Structure formats: structure tokens, C-alpha cells
C-alpha atoms as a PDB file:
ATOM      1  CA  UNK A   1      14.492  -7.256   4.711  1.00  0.00           C
ATOM      2  CA  UNK A   2      15.535  -4.309   3.109  1.00  0.00           C
ATOM      3  CA  UNK A   3      15.930  -6.081  -0.392  1.00  0.00           C
ATOM      4  CA  UNK A   4      12.094  -7.008   0.147  1.00  0.00           C
ATOM      5  CA  UNK A   5      10.812  -3.617   1.031  1.00  0.00           C
ATOM      6  CA  UNK A   6      13.319  -2.273  -1.668  1.00  0.00           C
ATOM      7  CA  UNK A   7      11.696  -4.275  -4.558  1.00  0.00           C
ATOM      8  CA  UNK A   8       8.290  -3.314  -3.345  1.00  0.00           C
ATOM      9  CA  UNK A   9       9.806   0.277  -3.873  1.00  0.00           C
ATOM     10  CA  UNK A  10      10.565  -0.467  -7.205  1.00  0.00           C
ATOM     11  CA  UNK A  11       7.487  -2.172  -8.356  1.00  0.00           C
ATOM     12  CA  UNK A  12       5.179   0.480  -7.261  1.00  0.00           C
ATOM     13  CA  UNK A  13       7.325   3.578  -8.637  1.00  0.00           C
ATOM     14  CA  UNK A  14       7.199   1.285 -11.902  1.00  0.00           C
ATOM     15  CA  UNK A  15       3.256   1.255 -11.843  1.00  0.00           C
ATOM     16  CA  UNK A  16       3.082   5.032 -10.380  1.00  0.00           C
ATOM     17  CA  UNK A  17       4.636   6.078 -13.956  1.00  0.00           C
ATOM     18  CA  UNK A  18       2.142   4.638 -16.385  1.00  0.00           C
ATOM     19  CA  UNK A  19      -0.760   5.835 -14.283  1.00  0.00           C
ATOM     20  CA  UNK A  20       1.108   9.579 -14.539  1.00  0.00           C
ATOM     21  CA  UNK A  21       1.575   9.054 -18.209  1.00  0.00           C
ATOM     22  CA  UNK A  22      -2.089   8.078 -18.776  1.00  0.00           C
ATOM     23  CA  UNK A  23      -3.469  10.468 -16.796  1.00  0.00           C
ATOM     24  CA  UNK A  24      -1.362  13.077 -18.518  1.00  0.00           C
ATOM     25  CA  UNK A  25      -2.365  12.035 -21.818  1.00  0.00           C
ATOM     26  CA  UNK A  26      -5.952  12.297 -20.810  1.00  0.00           C
ATOM     27  CA  UNK A  27      -5.734  15.476 -19.649  1.00  0.00           C
ATOM     28  CA  UNK A  28      -2.423  17.177 -20.343  1.00  0.00           C
ATOM     29  CA  UNK A  29      -3.428  20.471 -19.663  1.00  0.00           C
ATOM     30  CA  UNK A  30      -2.182  21.925 -16.031  1.00  0.00           C
ATOM     31  CA  UNK A  31      -1.505  17.870 -15.320  1.00  0.00           C
ATOM     32  CA  UNK A  32       1.787  18.850 -13.082  1.00  0.00           C
ATOM     33  CA  UNK A  33      -0.312  20.314 -10.961  1.00  0.00           C
ATOM     34  CA  UNK A  34      -2.997  17.785 -10.542  1.00  0.00           C
ATOM     35  CA  UNK A  35      -0.436  15.490  -9.968  1.00  0.00           C
ATOM     36  CA  UNK A  36       0.775  18.140  -7.225  1.00  0.00           C
ATOM     37  CA  UNK A  37      -3.003  17.644  -5.563  1.00  0.00           C
ATOM     38  CA  UNK A  38      -3.337  14.350  -5.962  1.00  0.00           C
ATOM     39  CA  UNK A  39      -0.061  13.366  -4.072  1.00  0.00           C
ATOM     40  CA  UNK A  40      -1.091  15.860  -1.441  1.00  0.00           C
ATOM     41  CA  UNK A  41      -4.490  14.114  -0.655  1.00  0.00           C
ATOM     42  CA  UNK A  42      -1.830  10.848  -0.518  1.00  0.00           C
ATOM     43  CA  UNK A  43       0.622  12.210   1.814  1.00  0.00           C
ATOM     44  CA  UNK A  44      -2.157  13.689   4.057  1.00  0.00           C
ATOM     45  CA  UNK A  45      -3.247  10.468   4.769  1.00  0.00           C
ATOM     46  CA  UNK A  46      -0.011   8.720   5.411  1.00  0.00           C
ATOM     47  CA  UNK A  47       1.411  11.800   7.739  1.00  0.00           C
ATOM     48  CA  UNK A  48      -2.097  11.135   9.728  1.00  0.00           C
ATOM     49  CA  UNK A  49      -1.327   7.364  10.127  1.00  0.00           C
ATOM     50  CA  UNK A  50       2.159   7.838  10.936  1.00  0.00           C
ATOM     51  CA  UNK A  51       1.547  10.306  14.259  1.00  0.00           C
ATOM     52  CA  UNK A  52       0.130   7.668  16.004  1.00  0.00           C
ATOM     53  CA  UNK A  53       3.491   5.846  15.926  1.00  0.00           C
ATOM     54  CA  UNK A  54       5.933   8.366  15.882  1.00  0.00           C
ATOM     55  CA  UNK A  55       9.509   7.452  17.491  1.00  0.00           C
ATOM     56  CA  UNK A  56       9.847  11.060  19.132  1.00  0.00           C
ATOM     57  CA  UNK A  57       6.231  10.780  21.017  1.00  0.00           C
ATOM     58  CA  UNK A  58       6.412  14.369  20.058  1.00  0.00           C
ATOM     59  CA  UNK A  59       3.019  16.086  18.990  1.00  0.00           C
ATOM     60  CA  UNK A  60       2.884  17.511  15.195  1.00  0.00           C
ATOM     61  CA  UNK A  61       3.909  21.275  16.055  1.00  0.00           C
ATOM     62  CA  UNK A  62       6.715  20.123  18.316  1.00  0.00           C
ATOM     63  CA  UNK A  63       7.810  17.717  15.747  1.00  0.00           C
ATOM     64  CA  UNK A  64       7.949  20.537  13.231  1.00  0.00           C
ATOM     65  CA  UNK A  65       9.614  23.209  15.442  1.00  0.00           C
ATOM     66  CA  UNK A  66      12.629  20.757  15.797  1.00  0.00           C
ATOM     67  CA  UNK A  67      12.865  20.012  12.434  1.00  0.00           C
ATOM     68  CA  UNK A  68      12.255  22.682  10.768  1.00  0.00           C
ATOM     69  CA  UNK A  69      15.640  22.846   8.166  1.00  0.00           C
ATOM     70  CA  UNK A  70      14.988  19.259   7.582  1.00  0.00           C
ATOM     71  CA  UNK A  71      11.710  20.096   5.099  1.00  0.00           C
ATOM     72  CA  UNK A  72      14.356  21.603   2.571  1.00  0.00           C
ATOM     73  CA  UNK A  73      15.082  18.017   1.634  1.00  0.00           C
ATOM     74  CA  UNK A  74      11.510  17.332   0.756  1.00  0.00           C
ATOM     75  CA  UNK A  75      10.877  20.665  -0.575  1.00  0.00           C
ATOM     76  CA  UNK A  76      13.438  20.630  -3.374  1.00  0.00           C
ATOM     77  CA  UNK A  77      12.459  16.801  -4.284  1.00  0.00           C
ATOM     78  CA  UNK A  78       9.045  17.966  -4.821  1.00  0.00           C
ATOM     79  CA  UNK A  79       9.384  21.145  -6.428  1.00  0.00           C
ATOM     80  CA  UNK A  80      11.818  18.925  -9.011  1.00  0.00           C
ATOM     81  CA  UNK A  81       9.137  16.340  -9.131  1.00  0.00           C
ATOM     82  CA  UNK A  82       6.818  18.991 -10.364  1.00  0.00           C
ATOM     83  CA  UNK A  83       9.050  20.042 -13.183  1.00  0.00           C
ATOM     84  CA  UNK A  84      10.095  16.817 -13.800  1.00  0.00           C
ATOM     85  CA  UNK A  85       6.105  15.690 -14.656  1.00  0.00           C
ATOM     86  CA  UNK A  86       5.975  18.450 -17.260  1.00  0.00           C
ATOM     87  CA  UNK A  87       8.254  15.616 -19.023  1.00  0.00           C
ATOM     88  CA  UNK A  88       5.232  13.523 -19.681  1.00  0.00           C
ATOM     89  CA  UNK A  89       3.196  15.558 -21.864  1.00  0.00           C
ATOM     90  CA  UNK A  90       6.278  15.706 -24.251  1.00  0.00           C
ATOM     91  CA  UNK A  91       8.307  11.863 -23.894  1.00  0.00           C
ATOM     92  CA  UNK A  92       6.751   8.484 -23.971  1.00  0.00           C
ATOM     93  CA  UNK A  93       6.861   6.897 -20.384  1.00  0.00           C
ATOM     94  CA  UNK A  94       9.478   4.177 -21.636  1.00  0.00           C
ATOM     95  CA  UNK A  95      11.976   7.500 -22.772  1.00  0.00           C
ATOM     96  CA  UNK A  96      11.210   9.116 -19.659  1.00  0.00           C
ATOM     97  CA  UNK A  97      11.339   6.658 -17.231  1.00  0.00           C
ATOM     98  CA  UNK A  98      14.946   5.339 -18.234  1.00  0.00           C
ATOM     99  CA  UNK A  99      16.534   8.933 -18.033  1.00  0.00           C
ATOM    100  CA  UNK A 100      14.650   9.853 -14.709  1.00  0.00           C
ATOM    101  CA  UNK A 101      16.340   6.535 -13.359  1.00  0.00           C
ATOM    102  CA  UNK A 102      20.185   7.226 -14.003  1.00  0.00           C
ATOM    103  CA  UNK A 103      19.675   8.796 -10.510  1.00  0.00           C
ATOM    104  CA  UNK A 104      20.373   5.684  -9.285  1.00  0.00           C
ATOM    105  CA  UNK A 105      24.060   5.577 -10.922  1.00  0.00           C
ATOM    106  CA  UNK A 106      24.756   8.473  -8.279  1.00  0.00           C
ATOM    107  CA  UNK A 107      24.291   7.809  -4.674  1.00  0.00           C
ATOM    108  CA  UNK A 108      26.248   4.945  -4.605  1.00  0.00           C
ATOM    109  CA  UNK A 109      29.558   7.306  -5.445  1.00  0.00           C
ATOM    110  CA  UNK A 110      28.011   9.989  -3.158  1.00  0.00           C
ATOM    111  CA  UNK A 111      28.037   7.946   0.049  1.00  0.00           C
ATOM    112  CA  UNK A 112      31.839   6.703  -1.274  1.00  0.00           C
ATOM    113  CA  UNK A 113      33.083  10.160  -1.514  1.00  0.00           C
ATOM    114  CA  UNK A 114      31.211  11.612   2.029  1.00  0.00           C
ATOM    115  CA  UNK A 115      32.578   8.144   3.809  1.00  0.00           C
ATOM    116  CA  UNK A 116      35.961   9.146   2.473  1.00  0.00           C
ATOM    117  CA  UNK A 117      36.048  12.844   3.480  1.00  0.00           C
ATOM    118  CA  UNK A 118      34.456  11.731   6.974  1.00  0.00           C
ATOM    119  CA  UNK A 119      37.379   9.022   7.085  1.00  0.00           C
ATOM    120  CA  UNK A 120      35.779   6.068   7.198  1.00  0.00           C
ATOM    121  CA  UNK A 121      36.049   4.776   3.763  1.00  0.00           C
ATOM    122  CA  UNK A 122      38.449   1.779   4.897  1.00  0.00           C
ATOM    123  CA  UNK A 123      35.110   0.620   7.252  1.00  0.00           C
ATOM    124  CA  UNK A 124      32.843   1.087   4.287  1.00  0.00           C
ATOM    125  CA  UNK A 125      34.820  -1.327   2.299  1.00  0.00           C
ATOM    126  CA  UNK A 126      35.204  -3.637   4.714  1.00  0.00           C
ATOM    127  CA  UNK A 127      31.248  -4.151   4.545  1.00  0.00           C
ATOM    128  CA  UNK A 128      31.647  -4.557   0.479  1.00  0.00           C
ATOM    129  CA  UNK A 129      32.107  -8.142  -0.962  1.00  0.00           C
ATOM    130  CA  UNK A 130      32.941  -8.672  -4.636  1.00  0.00           C
ATOM    131  CA  UNK A 131      29.500 -10.163  -5.103  1.00  0.00           C
ATOM    132  CA  UNK A 132      28.331  -7.007  -3.776  1.00  0.00           C
ATOM    133  CA  UNK A 133      30.463  -4.715  -5.350  1.00  0.00           C
ATOM    134  CA  UNK A 134      29.268  -6.761  -9.115  1.00  0.00           C
ATOM    135  CA  UNK A 135      25.990  -6.706  -8.500  1.00  0.00           C
ATOM    136  CA  UNK A 136      25.554  -2.996  -7.772  1.00  0.00           C
ATOM    137  CA  UNK A 137      27.777  -2.178 -10.530  1.00  0.00           C
ATOM    138  CA  UNK A 138      25.223  -4.333 -12.850  1.00  0.00           C
ATOM    139  CA  UNK A 139      22.716  -2.473 -11.785  1.00  0.00           C
ATOM    140  CA  UNK A 140      24.160   1.049 -12.222  1.00  0.00           C
ATOM    141  CA  UNK A 141      25.677  -0.271 -15.770  1.00  0.00           C
ATOM    142  CA  UNK A 142      22.173  -1.915 -16.600  1.00  0.00           C
ATOM    143  CA  UNK A 143      20.378   1.680 -16.034  1.00  0.00           C
ATOM    144  CA  UNK A 144      22.871   3.916 -17.551  1.00  0.00           C
ATOM    145  CA  UNK A 145      22.821   1.738 -20.272  1.00  0.00           C
ATOM    146  CA  UNK A 146      19.065   1.458 -20.881  1.00  0.00           C
ATOM    147  CA  UNK A 147      18.525   5.580 -20.444  1.00  0.00           C
ATOM    148  CA  UNK A 148      21.507   5.311 -23.223  1.00  0.00           C
ATOM    149  CA  UNK A 149      19.370   3.353 -25.461  1.00  0.00           C
ATOM    150  CA  UNK A 150      16.346   5.767 -25.012  1.00  0.00           C
ATOM    151  CA  UNK A 151      17.863   8.802 -25.445  1.00  0.00           C
ATOM    152  CA  UNK A 152      19.108   7.462 -28.832  1.00  0.00           C
ATOM    153  CA  UNK A 153      15.934   6.062 -29.778  1.00  0.00           C
ATOM    154  CA  UNK A 154      14.155   9.219 -28.662  1.00  0.00           C
ATOM    155  CA  UNK A 155      16.456  10.899 -31.230  1.00  0.00           C
ATOM    156  CA  UNK A 156      16.026   8.756 -34.375  1.00  0.00           C
ATOM    157  CA  UNK A 157      12.216   8.484 -33.826  1.00  0.00           C
ATOM    158  CA  UNK A 158      10.152  10.861 -34.526  1.00  0.00           C
ATOM    159  CA  UNK A 159       7.412   9.644 -32.133  1.00  0.00           C
ATOM    160  CA  UNK A 160       9.441   9.283 -29.045  1.00  0.00           C
ATOM    161  CA  UNK A 161       9.701  13.207 -28.841  1.00  0.00           C
ATOM    162  CA  UNK A 162       6.827  15.235 -29.196  1.00  0.00           C
ATOM    163  CA  UNK A 163       6.258  19.087 -29.358  1.00  0.00           C
ATOM    164  CA  UNK A 164       9.268  19.675 -26.930  1.00  0.00           C
ATOM    165  CA  UNK A 165      11.512  18.573 -28.891  1.00  0.00           C
ATOM    166  CA  UNK A 166      15.473  17.286 -27.569  1.00  0.00           C
ATOM    167  CA  UNK A 167      14.861  20.042 -24.730  1.00  0.00           C
ATOM    168  CA  UNK A 168      12.005  17.817 -23.568  1.00  0.00           C
ATOM    169  CA  UNK A 169      14.793  15.588 -22.094  1.00  0.00           C
ATOM    170  CA  UNK A 170      15.644  18.478 -19.676  1.00  0.00           C
ATOM    171  CA  UNK A 171      12.476  17.578 -17.417  1.00  0.00           C
ATOM    172  CA  UNK A 172      13.659  13.791 -16.499  1.00  0.00           C
ATOM    173  CA  UNK A 173      16.969  14.748 -16.511  1.00  0.00           C
ATOM    174  CA  UNK A 174      16.286  17.958 -13.773  1.00  0.00           C
ATOM    175  CA  UNK A 175      14.863  15.384 -11.686  1.00  0.00           C
ATOM    176  CA  UNK A 176      17.390  12.832 -11.870  1.00  0.00           C
ATOM    177  CA  UNK A 177      19.832  15.143 -10.784  1.00  0.00           C
ATOM    178  CA  UNK A 178      17.635  16.022  -7.820  1.00  0.00           C
ATOM    179  CA  UNK A 179      16.726  12.812  -6.821  1.00  0.00           C
ATOM    180  CA  UNK A 180      20.224  11.641  -6.522  1.00  0.00           C
ATOM    181  CA  UNK A 181      20.964  14.271  -4.049  1.00  0.00           C
ATOM    182  CA  UNK A 182      17.812  13.604  -2.233  1.00  0.00           C
ATOM    183  CA  UNK A 183      18.485   9.987  -1.635  1.00  0.00           C
ATOM    184  CA  UNK A 184      22.226  10.711  -0.290  1.00  0.00           C
ATOM    185  CA  UNK A 185      20.214  12.731   2.254  1.00  0.00           C
ATOM    186  CA  UNK A 186      17.748  10.674   3.206  1.00  0.00           C
ATOM    187  CA  UNK A 187      19.964   7.571   3.656  1.00  0.00           C
ATOM    188  CA  UNK A 188      22.451  10.010   5.811  1.00  0.00           C
ATOM    189  CA  UNK A 189      19.645  11.455   8.009  1.00  0.00           C
ATOM    190  CA  UNK A 190      18.055   8.042   8.385  1.00  0.00           C
ATOM    191  CA  UNK A 191      21.434   6.558   9.209  1.00  0.00           C
ATOM    192  CA  UNK A 192      23.010   9.044  11.359  1.00  0.00           C
ATOM    193  CA  UNK A 193      25.627  11.010   9.629  1.00  0.00           C
ATOM    194  CA  UNK A 194      23.643  13.538   9.600  1.00  0.00           C
ATOM    195  CA  UNK A 195      23.095  14.499  13.337  1.00  0.00           C
ATOM    196  CA  UNK A 196      21.785  11.504  15.376  1.00  0.00           C
ATOM    197  CA  UNK A 197      19.700   9.592  13.040  1.00  0.00           C
ATOM    198  CA  UNK A 198      15.757  10.427  12.671  1.00  0.00           C
ATOM    199  CA  UNK A 199      13.075   7.780  13.066  1.00  0.00           C
ATOM    200  CA  UNK A 200      11.523   6.123  10.330  1.00  0.00           C
ATOM    201  CA  UNK A 201       8.310   6.727  10.894  1.00  0.00           C
ATOM    202  CA  UNK A 202       9.125  10.467  11.810  1.00  0.00           C
ATOM    203  CA  UNK A 203      11.077  10.935   8.475  1.00  0.00           C
ATOM    204  CA  UNK A 204       7.810   9.959   6.350  1.00  0.00           C
ATOM    205  CA  UNK A 205       5.277  12.006   8.566  1.00  0.00           C
ATOM    206  CA  UNK A 206       7.336  15.243   7.764  1.00  0.00           C
ATOM    207  CA  UNK A 207       8.164  13.719   4.872  1.00  0.00           C
ATOM    208  CA  UNK A 208       4.487  13.816   3.828  1.00  0.00           C
ATOM    209  CA  UNK A 209       3.506  17.026   5.082  1.00  0.00           C
ATOM    210  CA  UNK A 210       5.934  18.783   3.081  1.00  0.00           C
ATOM    211  CA  UNK A 211       3.772  17.203  -0.035  1.00  0.00           C
ATOM    212  CA  UNK A 212       0.931  17.851   1.844  1.00  0.00           C
ATOM    213  CA  UNK A 213       1.728  21.884   1.677  1.00  0.00           C
ATOM    214  CA  UNK A 214       2.642  21.451  -2.255  1.00  0.00           C
ATOM    215  CA  UNK A 215      -0.424  19.985  -2.569  1.00  0.00           C
ATOM    216  CA  UNK A 216      -2.256  22.584  -1.190  1.00  0.00           C
ATOM    217  CA  UNK A 217       0.057  25.207  -3.248  1.00  0.00           C
ATOM    218  CA  UNK A 218      -1.054  23.426  -6.519  1.00  0.00           C
ATOM    219  CA  UNK A 219      -4.547  23.494  -5.861  1.00  0.00           C
ATOM    220  CA  UNK A 220      -4.388  27.299  -5.190  1.00  0.00           C
ATOM    221  CA  UNK A 221      -2.804  27.876  -8.666  1.00  0.00           C
ATOM    222  CA  UNK A 222      -5.093  25.890 -10.411  1.00  0.00           C
ATOM    223  CA  UNK A 223      -8.059  27.698  -8.456  1.00  0.00           C
ATOM    224  CA  UNK A 224      -5.981  30.886  -9.980  1.00  0.00           C
ATOM    225  CA  UNK A 225      -5.529  29.729 -13.421  1.00  0.00           C
ATOM    226  CA  UNK A 226      -8.752  27.841 -13.933  1.00  0.00           C
ATOM    227  CA  UNK A 227     -11.083  30.156 -11.896  1.00  0.00           C
ATOM    228  CA  UNK A 228     -12.652  27.337 -10.350  1.00  0.00           C
ATOM    229  CA  UNK A 229     -11.966  24.745  -7.532  1.00  0.00           C
ATOM    230  CA  UNK A 230     -10.071  21.520  -8.705  1.00  0.00           C
ATOM    231  CA  UNK A 231     -11.877  18.318  -7.553  1.00  0.00           C
ATOM    232  CA  UNK A 232      -9.741  15.544  -7.140  1.00  0.00           C
ATOM    233  CA  UNK A 233     -12.342  13.046  -6.643  1.00  0.00           C
ATOM    234  CA  UNK A 234     -13.331  13.672 -10.539  1.00  0.00           C
ATOM    235  CA  UNK A 235     -13.131  10.497 -12.774  1.00  0.00           C
ATOM    236  CA  UNK A 236     -11.125  12.186 -14.882  1.00  0.00           C
ATOM    237  CA  UNK A 237      -8.283  12.359 -11.592  1.00  0.00           C
ATOM    238  CA  UNK A 238      -8.220   8.926 -11.449  1.00  0.00           C
ATOM    239  CA  UNK A 239      -4.653   8.014 -12.749  1.00  0.00           C
ATOM    240  CA  UNK A 240      -3.501  10.531 -10.855  1.00  0.00           C
ATOM    241  CA  UNK A 241      -4.780   9.109  -7.488  1.00  0.00           C
ATOM    242  CA  UNK A 242      -4.064   5.306  -8.278  1.00  0.00           C
ATOM    243  CA  UNK A 243      -0.447   7.019  -8.786  1.00  0.00           C
ATOM    244  CA  UNK A 244      -0.359   8.956  -5.284  1.00  0.00           C
ATOM    245  CA  UNK A 245      -1.572   5.639  -3.770  1.00  0.00           C
ATOM    246  CA  UNK A 246       1.366   3.705  -5.238  1.00  0.00           C
ATOM    247  CA  UNK A 247       3.657   6.650  -4.545  1.00  0.00           C
ATOM    248  CA  UNK A 248       2.831   6.348  -0.534  1.00  0.00           C
ATOM    249  CA  UNK A 249       3.284   2.867  -0.612  1.00  0.00           C
ATOM    250  CA  UNK A 250       6.536   2.964  -2.259  1.00  0.00           C
ATOM    251  CA  UNK A 251       7.564   5.794   0.095  1.00  0.00           C
ATOM    252  CA  UNK A 252       7.182   3.991   3.111  1.00  0.00           C
ATOM    253  CA  UNK A 253       8.664   0.715   1.807  1.00  0.00           C
ATOM    254  CA  UNK A 254      11.624   3.052   0.132  1.00  0.00           C
ATOM    255  CA  UNK A 255      12.300   4.660   3.877  1.00  0.00           C
ATOM    256  CA  UNK A 256      12.604   1.484   5.580  1.00  0.00           C
ATOM    257  CA  UNK A 257      14.690   0.061   2.991  1.00  0.00           C
ATOM    258  CA  UNK A 258      17.187   3.336   3.147  1.00  0.00           C
ATOM    259  CA  UNK A 259      17.064   3.330   6.655  1.00  0.00           C
ATOM    260  CA  UNK A 260      18.437  -0.481   7.133  1.00  0.00           C
ATOM    261  CA  UNK A 261      20.844  -0.817   3.880  1.00  0.00           C
ATOM    262  CA  UNK A 262      20.995   3.129   1.936  1.00  0.00           C
ATOM    263  CA  UNK A 263      23.716   1.801  -0.236  1.00  0.00           C
ATOM    264  CA  UNK A 264      22.326  -0.759  -2.097  1.00  0.00           C
ATOM    265  CA  UNK A 265      18.762   0.104  -1.908  1.00  0.00           C
ATOM    266  CA  UNK A 266      19.595   3.045  -4.342  1.00  0.00           C
ATOM    267  CA  UNK A 267      20.735   1.198  -7.197  1.00  0.00           C
ATOM    268  CA  UNK A 268      17.636  -1.259  -6.643  1.00  0.00           C
ATOM    269  CA  UNK A 269      14.995   1.224  -6.745  1.00  0.00           C
ATOM    270  CA  UNK A 270      16.516   3.355  -9.589  1.00  0.00           C
ATOM    271  CA  UNK A 271      15.236  -0.096 -11.792  1.00  0.00           C
ATOM    272  CA  UNK A 272      11.622   0.790 -11.273  1.00  0.00           C
ATOM    273  CA  UNK A 273      11.999   2.345 -14.879  1.00  0.00           C
ATOM    274  CA  UNK A 274      12.856  -1.274 -15.940  1.00  0.00           C
ATOM    275  CA  UNK A 275       9.443  -2.087 -14.701  1.00  0.00           C
ATOM    276  CA  UNK A 276       7.949   0.903 -16.438  1.00  0.00           C
ATOM    277  CA  UNK A 277       9.583  -0.206 -19.791  1.00  0.00           C
ATOM    278  CA  UNK A 278       8.538  -3.901 -19.228  1.00  0.00           C
ATOM    279  CA  UNK A 279       4.407  -3.115 -18.375  1.00  0.00           C
ATOM    280  CA  UNK A 280       4.441   0.080 -21.195  1.00  0.00           C
ATOM    281  CA  UNK A 281       3.944  -2.109 -24.236  1.00  0.00           C
ATOM    282  CA  UNK A 282       1.027  -3.583 -22.725  1.00  0.00           C
ATOM    283  CA  UNK A 283      -0.532  -0.343 -21.156  1.00  0.00           C
ATOM    284  CA  UNK A 284       0.531   2.372 -23.365  1.00  0.00           C
ATOM    285  CA  UNK A 285       1.528   0.551 -26.818  1.00  0.00           C
ATOM    286  CA  UNK A 286       5.515   1.195 -26.620  1.00  0.00           C
ATOM    287  CA  UNK A 287       7.789  -1.704 -27.467  1.00  0.00           C
ATOM    288  CA  UNK A 288      11.491  -2.571 -26.316  1.00  0.00           C
ATOM    289  CA  UNK A 289      14.566  -3.576 -28.871  1.00  0.00           C
ATOM    290  CA  UNK A 290      16.724  -6.130 -28.288  1.00  0.00           C
ATOM    291  CA  UNK A 291      19.219  -3.971 -26.504  1.00  0.00           C
ATOM    292  CA  UNK A 292      16.751  -2.663 -24.069  1.00  0.00           C
ATOM    293  CA  UNK A 293      16.065  -6.633 -23.284  1.00  0.00           C
ATOM    294  CA  UNK A 294      19.760  -7.103 -22.639  1.00  0.00           C
ATOM    295  CA  UNK A 295      19.993  -4.193 -20.070  1.00  0.00           C
ATOM    296  CA  UNK A 296      16.662  -5.212 -18.342  1.00  0.00           C
ATOM    297  CA  UNK A 297      18.441  -8.464 -17.806  1.00  0.00           C
ATOM    298  CA  UNK A 298      21.245  -6.890 -16.583  1.00  0.00           C
ATOM    299  CA  UNK A 299      19.779  -4.805 -13.936  1.00  0.00           C
ATOM    300  CA  UNK A 300      17.462  -7.816 -13.116  1.00  0.00           C
ATOM    301  CA  UNK A 301      20.931 -10.050 -12.613  1.00  0.00           C
ATOM    302  CA  UNK A 302      22.445  -7.185 -10.460  1.00  0.00           C
ATOM    303  CA  UNK A 303      19.190  -7.358  -8.106  1.00  0.00           C
ATOM    304  CA  UNK A 304      19.530 -10.962  -7.745  1.00  0.00           C
ATOM    305  CA  UNK A 305      22.908 -11.311  -7.014  1.00  0.00           C
ATOM    306  CA  UNK A 306      22.220  -8.681  -4.434  1.00  0.00           C
ATOM    307  CA  UNK A 307      19.793 -10.813  -2.617  1.00  0.00           C
ATOM    308  CA  UNK A 308      21.916 -13.718  -2.954  1.00  0.00           C
ATOM    309  CA  UNK A 309      24.877 -11.862  -1.231  1.00  0.00           C
ATOM    310  CA  UNK A 310      22.005 -10.852   1.450  1.00  0.00           C
ATOM    311  CA  UNK A 311      21.511 -14.175   1.857  1.00  0.00           C
ATOM    312  CA  UNK A 312      25.036 -15.652   2.100  1.00  0.00           C
ATOM    313  CA  UNK A 313      25.305 -12.828   5.321  1.00  0.00           C
ATOM    314  CA  UNK A 314      22.810 -14.385   7.107  1.00  0.00           C
ATOM    315  CA  UNK A 315      24.141 -18.102   6.660  1.00  0.00           C
ATOM    316  CA  UNK A 316      27.877 -16.710   8.221  1.00  0.00           C
ATOM    317  CA  UNK A 317      25.445 -14.761  11.170  1.00  0.00           C
END
């Protein structure tokens, strides 16, 4: 089941990139702040939907009080996301998404280091078959290769990097590094490696609540900057609203997949940039090179191999 959820998250986040880029191109001024507001609205709906199914059964104020330190994780991630979203103004989606995807190369390494420090490395490797290792390697190598190709292409084609120049690449890279550690911490929290483990629904509720706060702050900044209240329901914000809905869908699928299999969920979900690159030629007028198609095929082969491996495990049981 975790593989299906991981693929759903991958597709949803891949389409989200398309809507974020389209919305930013249509209205670039203050776009990251507008994105933050729309994400906050989606997060508020998700949080309200999660509370009746809370594993702890605690009222929201008590749940917040008992998990105060947890908010550091989504807060740092949310701020990095807002910074990263600035890159949409200067970079094509086919450049931005693969660089952002490079985060998928780090969590497996972080997990291995974590288990090694905890003295559990032997137990970890007992659960990894040769097919699992080869599939995960294919996904990670394919993503890194695609990121490299897009970066090189951006340096040689003037239309791929706009007014931000080469420095515009810092926006997705900053998010990439933060996202790597966020992925690791999410897996550790949900899996019980930190503390006793947090319920998946409780995790989603608290994570969403953080984005509600970020959205409110973004709305206040917009009001201060423009002198009038921002209405996220207006037509020009339609792309951002669609992106927020997809982000919520992806987050739910991602959390449940991470809780079941954090080691392999991370590299699969990192492939959402592949979805963006495949869709962008039709939706945004961008084109793939032959080398990019090879990288896409490598990642897809890795995902397929993980699925076959999971099926073989079920047959053994």
C-alpha cells in the first residue's frame, strides 16, 4: 500500500509544480506570499478534517501543548518552501523541479547514518534485498542525473534562466537541502525513532496547523505591502488554489507512506519532478532532451523495481 500512496504523492506534487509555475508567470509580484496564503487555506481544511480522527483523542489545545517542539520541523520547512517559491519567477519548471528533487538523494543516506549511530545498521541491512538496493540507487542516480542535465542546460540556454541569473538556482537548492532533513525527521517521528512515534493523523493535523499560521502571516504581509486585503478566492489565484489542493492530497499520501516505509518512500516521492518535466512540454511549452528521457526512464525503472520487490515480499509471507 505504501508504494501506491508514494506514487499518488509523486503525481500530486508533480502537477502542483505546473500550477505554481503557471500562477507565478501570470502574477509574479508577491507570488510566494500568495502561494503561502492559499496553502494556509488548504491546510486549514485538512487540519479540520483530521481532528475527528486523531489517534490521541486529545483536544487541539492539549495536542499542541504536548507537541510544542514538533512545530519546529514544519515551520522551517514552510519558510524554506516560501523562499524556494521565489525561484518560480526566474526559472522554468523543468529547471526548478529537478533541482528541488535532488533532496531525494539525501534521506536514504541520512537514515543509514542514523541507524549506524543507533547501533541498528545490521538490522537495517537485513531488510534490504539486492533488488531493493538496486532500485533505490536507480531512482537516486536518475534524479541526480536529471538535475545535472537541467542545470547544465540552464547555463547554456539564456531562456532557461531569466533575470535572476545563475543565483536563481539557490532558491530550489535551499529548499532541497531543508527538505532532505525534513524528510528524515518526518520518517523518524512517524516511525518512532524519535520519542514513541506520533500518530499519522495527529502528525497531519499539527503539520497543517503550522501552515495555517504561515498563511496568516503571509496574508498580513500582503496587506501591509499592498494596503488592501488579499482575496485568495479571486480568479487570478485559481492556479495557486489548485496547487494548494494538490499539496494537501500529496501530504496525506506522503505521511501515510512514510509511516509505513520511510527509506524507500523518500526517493520515489522525489521523482515528482519527473512528472513535472513530462507534463511541462504540453502545459508550459518546455521540451526534453534525449538525455533527459534516459534519466526519466532510469527513475521509472527504479520505481517499477521497488514495486516488484514489494510484491516478492508479499509472496514470501
